[in-house]
Protein backbone atom coordinates (compact mmCIF):
# COMPACT_ATOMS: atom_id res chain seq x y z
CA UNK A 1 46.64 62.71 9.25
CA UNK A 2 49.41 62.96 6.56
CA UNK A 3 51.03 60.03 7.77
CA UNK A 4 48.02 58.09 7.69
CA UNK A 5 47.35 59.39 4.22
CA UNK A 6 51.02 58.21 3.00
CA UNK A 7 50.77 54.80 4.57
CA UNK A 8 47.40 54.20 3.02
CA UNK A 9 48.69 55.04 -0.35
CA UNK A 10 51.84 52.89 0.14
CA UNK A 11 49.66 49.95 0.84
CA UNK A 12 47.50 50.42 -2.00
CA UNK A 13 50.47 50.53 -4.40
CA UNK A 14 52.01 47.51 -3.02
CA UNK A 15 48.61 45.68 -3.28
CA UNK A 16 48.26 46.95 -6.88
CA UNK A 17 51.70 45.52 -7.86
CA UNK A 18 51.01 42.38 -6.38
CA UNK A 19 47.76 42.21 -8.08
CA UNK A 20 49.41 43.25 -11.30
CA UNK A 21 52.05 40.60 -11.23
CA UNK A 22 49.37 37.95 -10.33
CA UNK A 23 47.36 38.92 -13.46
CA UNK A 24 50.46 38.90 -15.59
CA UNK A 25 51.29 35.44 -14.55
CA UNK A 26 47.76 34.22 -15.10
CA UNK A 27 47.66 35.64 -18.59
CA UNK A 28 51.08 34.12 -19.70
CA UNK A 29 49.96 30.68 -18.18
CA UNK A 30 46.72 30.93 -19.93
CA UNK A 31 48.10 31.99 -23.34
CA UNK A 32 50.82 29.02 -23.11
CA UNK A 33 47.90 26.54 -22.50
CA UNK A 34 45.61 28.04 -25.18
CA UNK A 35 48.60 27.94 -27.73
CA UNK A 36 49.42 24.21 -26.86
CA UNK A 37 45.65 23.42 -27.33
CA UNK A 38 45.45 25.10 -30.61
CA UNK A 39 48.42 23.49 -31.90
CA UNK A 40 47.35 19.95 -30.72
CA UNK A 41 44.72 19.63 -33.44
CA UNK A 42 44.76 16.89 -36.10
CA UNK A 43 48.30 16.09 -37.17
CA UNK A 44 47.02 15.89 -40.68
CA UNK A 45 46.93 19.64 -40.95
CA UNK A 46 50.47 19.87 -39.71
CA UNK A 47 53.23 19.22 -42.50
CA UNK A 48 56.47 17.37 -42.24
CA UNK A 49 54.92 14.43 -40.11
CA UNK A 50 55.76 10.85 -40.69
CA UNK A 51 52.94 8.96 -42.67
CA UNK A 52 51.23 5.90 -40.97
CA UNK A 53 49.79 2.91 -42.50
CA UNK A 54 46.46 4.47 -42.90
CA UNK A 55 47.74 7.43 -44.84
CA UNK A 56 49.69 4.99 -47.30
CA UNK A 57 46.48 3.13 -47.82
CA UNK A 58 44.55 6.25 -48.73
CA UNK A 59 47.28 7.38 -51.10
CA UNK A 60 47.42 3.78 -52.48
CA UNK A 61 43.46 4.01 -53.21
CA UNK A 62 44.19 7.30 -54.95
CA UNK A 63 46.84 5.77 -57.15
CA UNK A 64 45.02 2.59 -57.78
CA UNK A 65 41.60 3.97 -58.71
CA UNK A 66 42.72 5.22 -62.34
CA UNK A 67 44.25 1.97 -63.26
CA UNK A 68 40.99 0.04 -62.75
CA UNK A 69 38.78 -0.24 -65.77
CA UNK A 70 35.54 0.20 -63.88
CA UNK A 71 34.60 3.32 -62.53
CA UNK A 72 32.09 1.94 -59.98
CA UNK A 73 34.55 0.17 -57.30
CA UNK A 74 34.63 0.04 -53.64
CA UNK A 75 37.55 -0.41 -51.47
CA UNK A 76 37.36 -2.22 -48.00
CA UNK A 77 37.57 -0.23 -45.01
CA UNK A 78 40.30 -2.20 -43.17
CA UNK A 79 40.93 -5.11 -45.46
CA UNK A 80 44.42 -4.03 -46.30
CA UNK A 81 47.84 -5.12 -45.34
CA UNK A 82 50.71 -2.69 -45.10
CA UNK A 83 54.46 -2.75 -44.41
CA UNK A 84 56.94 0.02 -44.05
CA UNK A 85 60.48 -0.25 -45.42
CA UNK A 86 63.32 2.15 -44.35
CA UNK A 87 63.06 5.65 -45.98
CA UNK A 88 59.49 5.93 -45.78
CA UNK A 89 58.56 3.29 -48.35
CA UNK A 90 55.27 1.48 -47.86
CA UNK A 91 54.07 -1.59 -49.43
CA UNK A 92 50.15 -1.90 -49.47
CA UNK A 93 48.16 -5.09 -50.44
CA UNK A 94 44.39 -5.02 -50.76
CA UNK A 95 41.65 -5.24 -53.28
CA UNK A 96 39.04 -3.32 -55.15
CA UNK A 97 35.56 -4.72 -55.70
CA UNK A 98 32.87 -3.53 -58.30
CA UNK A 99 29.87 -2.18 -56.47
CA UNK A 100 26.94 -4.54 -56.31
CA UNK A 101 28.61 -7.57 -57.75
CA UNK A 102 29.59 -10.56 -55.53
CA UNK A 103 31.38 -12.36 -58.65
CA UNK A 104 35.04 -13.41 -57.89
CA UNK A 105 35.82 -12.13 -61.28
CA UNK A 106 35.04 -8.46 -60.29
CA UNK A 107 37.62 -8.26 -57.59
CA UNK A 108 41.04 -6.81 -58.38
CA UNK A 109 43.76 -7.50 -56.15
CA UNK A 110 46.63 -5.09 -56.04
CA UNK A 111 50.22 -4.58 -54.44
CA UNK A 112 51.38 -1.07 -54.54
CA UNK A 113 54.75 0.23 -53.30
CA UNK A 114 54.74 3.95 -52.52
CA UNK A 115 57.55 6.22 -51.24
CA UNK A 116 56.68 9.36 -49.24
CA UNK A 117 59.18 12.21 -50.35
CA UNK A 118 58.16 14.58 -47.47
CA UNK A 119 55.79 17.34 -46.98
CA UNK A 120 52.10 17.34 -46.30
CA UNK A 121 51.04 13.44 -46.00
CA UNK A 122 47.79 14.14 -47.63
CA UNK A 123 49.06 15.58 -50.86
CA UNK A 124 49.30 13.32 -53.58
CA UNK A 125 52.29 15.25 -55.13
CA UNK A 126 54.56 14.11 -52.04
CA UNK A 127 54.18 10.27 -52.81
CA UNK A 128 55.91 8.66 -55.77
CA UNK A 129 54.67 5.17 -57.13
CA UNK A 130 57.53 2.70 -57.20
CA UNK A 131 55.57 -0.39 -58.36
CA UNK A 132 52.15 -1.69 -59.10
CA UNK A 133 51.06 -5.29 -59.33
CA UNK A 134 47.39 -5.94 -60.15
CA UNK A 135 45.70 -9.26 -60.40
C-alpha cells in the first residue's frame, strides 16, 4: 500500500510541475502580446517619431493662423502641397479662406517652411519657422 501511495504522489508532483510550466509559459506569452498591443497605439502619443506631411500641415496651420488678419478662416482639409527636405525641413503650400465668403479677395495663399527640431510631433515648441510667404 505504501508503494502505491508513493507512486501516486510522485505522479501528482510531475503532473503539477508540468502544469506549472505550461501556466508560466502561457502567462509569459500573454504578457508579451498585451505589452506589444498596448504600445502599438497611435504614434502621435509616442515621442521622437519622424513627422509626416500631415503633421507638417497641422503645424503650418498653427503658425499661419495668427498672421492672417481675419479671425474667421477655414483651411482646406486636403488642399495642400508638402515637400520634405533633408534634416526634417518641410515646405507647405496651401491657402486659407474667410468663412462664408466666395470672393477671390478673401483667399490668402501661403507658403511656409518649417523645421522639426525633435521631440513630440504635435508640440508647437518642437517646430521652428524658417520662412513664411503670404499672398
